[in-house]
């Protein structure tokens, strides 16, 4: 079995004019950035099963875990990340993170 690949980068959100759904939570691979510009080539839409580490600006680990879908109510949308960390995906500057990619969660 191949060891998972660990990508280094940032967390954020992605939205385009014309999208009908809410902004997508994403991980941006640092290898596909130039200054403050992010490339779609390095953008990973986060999904259930992805393992994520999120770091504070001082480098301390803020949160680590495997993402999973949790429904808060019968009619509401399912949450991909715990509600208490959702706002971290909307910070500017974005927080550093690591995304663990394995064959079954890429």
Protein backbone atom coordinates (compact mmCIF):
# COMPACT_ATOMS: atom_id res chain seq x y z
CA UNK A 1 0.00 0.00 0.00
CA UNK A 2 1.36 3.41 -0.99
CA UNK A 3 1.90 6.02 1.73
CA UNK A 4 -0.47 8.99 1.52
CA UNK A 5 0.83 12.16 -0.10
CA UNK A 6 0.81 15.23 2.17
CA UNK A 7 0.20 18.51 0.33
CA UNK A 8 1.11 21.83 1.94
CA UNK A 9 -0.86 24.98 1.24
CA UNK A 10 -3.82 27.01 2.47
CA UNK A 11 -7.54 26.63 3.10
CA UNK A 12 -10.07 28.96 1.53
CA UNK A 13 -13.31 29.13 -0.39
CA UNK A 14 -14.07 29.36 -4.07
CA UNK A 15 -17.02 31.01 -5.75
CA UNK A 16 -17.64 32.20 -9.30
CA UNK A 17 -20.31 34.42 -10.78
CA UNK A 18 -23.14 32.19 -11.94
CA UNK A 19 -22.65 29.49 -9.31
CA UNK A 20 -26.01 28.63 -7.79
CA UNK A 21 -24.61 26.88 -4.72
CA UNK A 22 -22.70 28.36 -1.75
CA UNK A 23 -18.94 28.90 -1.99
CA UNK A 24 -16.96 25.65 -2.05
CA UNK A 25 -14.46 24.91 0.70
CA UNK A 26 -11.08 24.31 -0.90
CA UNK A 27 -7.44 23.51 -0.24
CA UNK A 28 -4.88 25.33 -2.38
CA UNK A 29 -1.61 23.47 -3.03
CA UNK A 30 1.33 25.85 -2.49
CA UNK A 31 3.10 24.43 -5.55
CA UNK A 32 0.47 26.12 -7.74
CA UNK A 33 0.69 29.65 -6.33
CA UNK A 34 2.56 32.74 -7.38
CA UNK A 35 2.53 35.49 -4.80
CA UNK A 36 -1.11 35.93 -3.80
CA UNK A 37 -2.42 34.32 -7.02
CA UNK A 38 -3.90 30.85 -6.74
CA UNK A 39 -4.21 28.54 -9.72
CA UNK A 40 -7.19 26.30 -10.43
CA UNK A 41 -4.62 23.57 -11.16
CA UNK A 42 -3.68 23.44 -7.47
CA UNK A 43 -7.17 23.80 -6.07
CA UNK A 44 -8.72 20.77 -4.38
CA UNK A 45 -12.41 20.83 -3.48
CA UNK A 46 -12.62 19.30 -0.02
CA UNK A 47 -14.75 16.18 0.36
CA UNK A 48 -15.75 13.70 3.02
CA UNK A 49 -12.80 11.41 3.74
CA UNK A 50 -10.09 14.04 3.25
CA UNK A 51 -7.71 14.37 6.21
CA UNK A 52 -6.84 17.98 7.01
CA UNK A 53 -4.54 19.82 9.41
CA UNK A 54 -5.12 23.55 9.92
CA UNK A 55 -2.47 25.82 11.47
CA UNK A 56 -2.72 29.13 13.34
CA UNK A 57 -0.71 32.09 11.97
CA UNK A 58 1.97 31.36 14.62
CA UNK A 59 2.34 27.76 13.35
CA UNK A 60 0.47 26.02 16.19
CA UNK A 61 -1.91 23.24 15.17
CA UNK A 62 -5.52 24.54 15.40
CA UNK A 63 -7.43 21.49 14.18
CA UNK A 64 -6.78 18.06 12.69
CA UNK A 65 -9.29 15.52 11.50
CA UNK A 66 -11.02 13.65 8.72
CA UNK A 67 -13.83 15.54 7.03
CA UNK A 68 -17.27 13.98 7.00
CA UNK A 69 -20.80 15.03 6.13
CA UNK A 70 -23.00 15.87 9.13
CA UNK A 71 -26.60 16.99 8.71
CA UNK A 72 -27.79 19.54 11.32
CA UNK A 73 -31.46 19.29 10.39
CA UNK A 74 -33.72 17.23 8.16
CA UNK A 75 -34.13 20.01 5.55
CA UNK A 76 -30.83 21.86 5.86
CA UNK A 77 -27.65 21.22 3.92
CA UNK A 78 -25.06 18.82 5.29
CA UNK A 79 -21.92 20.34 6.80
CA UNK A 80 -18.56 19.15 5.49
CA UNK A 81 -16.57 20.70 8.33
CA UNK A 82 -17.58 21.19 11.96
CA UNK A 83 -19.52 24.48 12.30
CA UNK A 84 -16.97 25.83 14.77
CA UNK A 85 -14.19 25.85 12.14
CA UNK A 86 -16.18 26.88 9.04
CA UNK A 87 -15.24 30.56 9.44
CA UNK A 88 -11.53 29.69 9.11
CA UNK A 89 -12.14 29.06 5.38
CA UNK A 90 -13.17 32.70 4.91
CA UNK A 91 -10.20 34.42 6.59
CA UNK A 92 -7.86 36.77 4.76
CA UNK A 93 -4.98 36.06 4.83
CA UNK A 94 -5.83 32.36 4.61
CA UNK A 95 -4.62 29.84 7.16
CA UNK A 96 -1.85 27.35 6.34
CA UNK A 97 -2.92 23.73 6.11
CA UNK A 98 -1.88 20.24 5.07
CA UNK A 99 -4.10 17.89 3.08
CA UNK A 100 -3.42 14.15 3.19
CA UNK A 101 -4.24 12.49 -0.14
CA UNK A 102 -4.48 8.72 -0.47
CA UNK A 103 -5.75 6.56 -3.29
CA UNK A 104 -9.30 6.39 -1.94
CA UNK A 105 -9.77 10.08 -1.02
CA UNK A 106 -8.15 12.14 -3.77
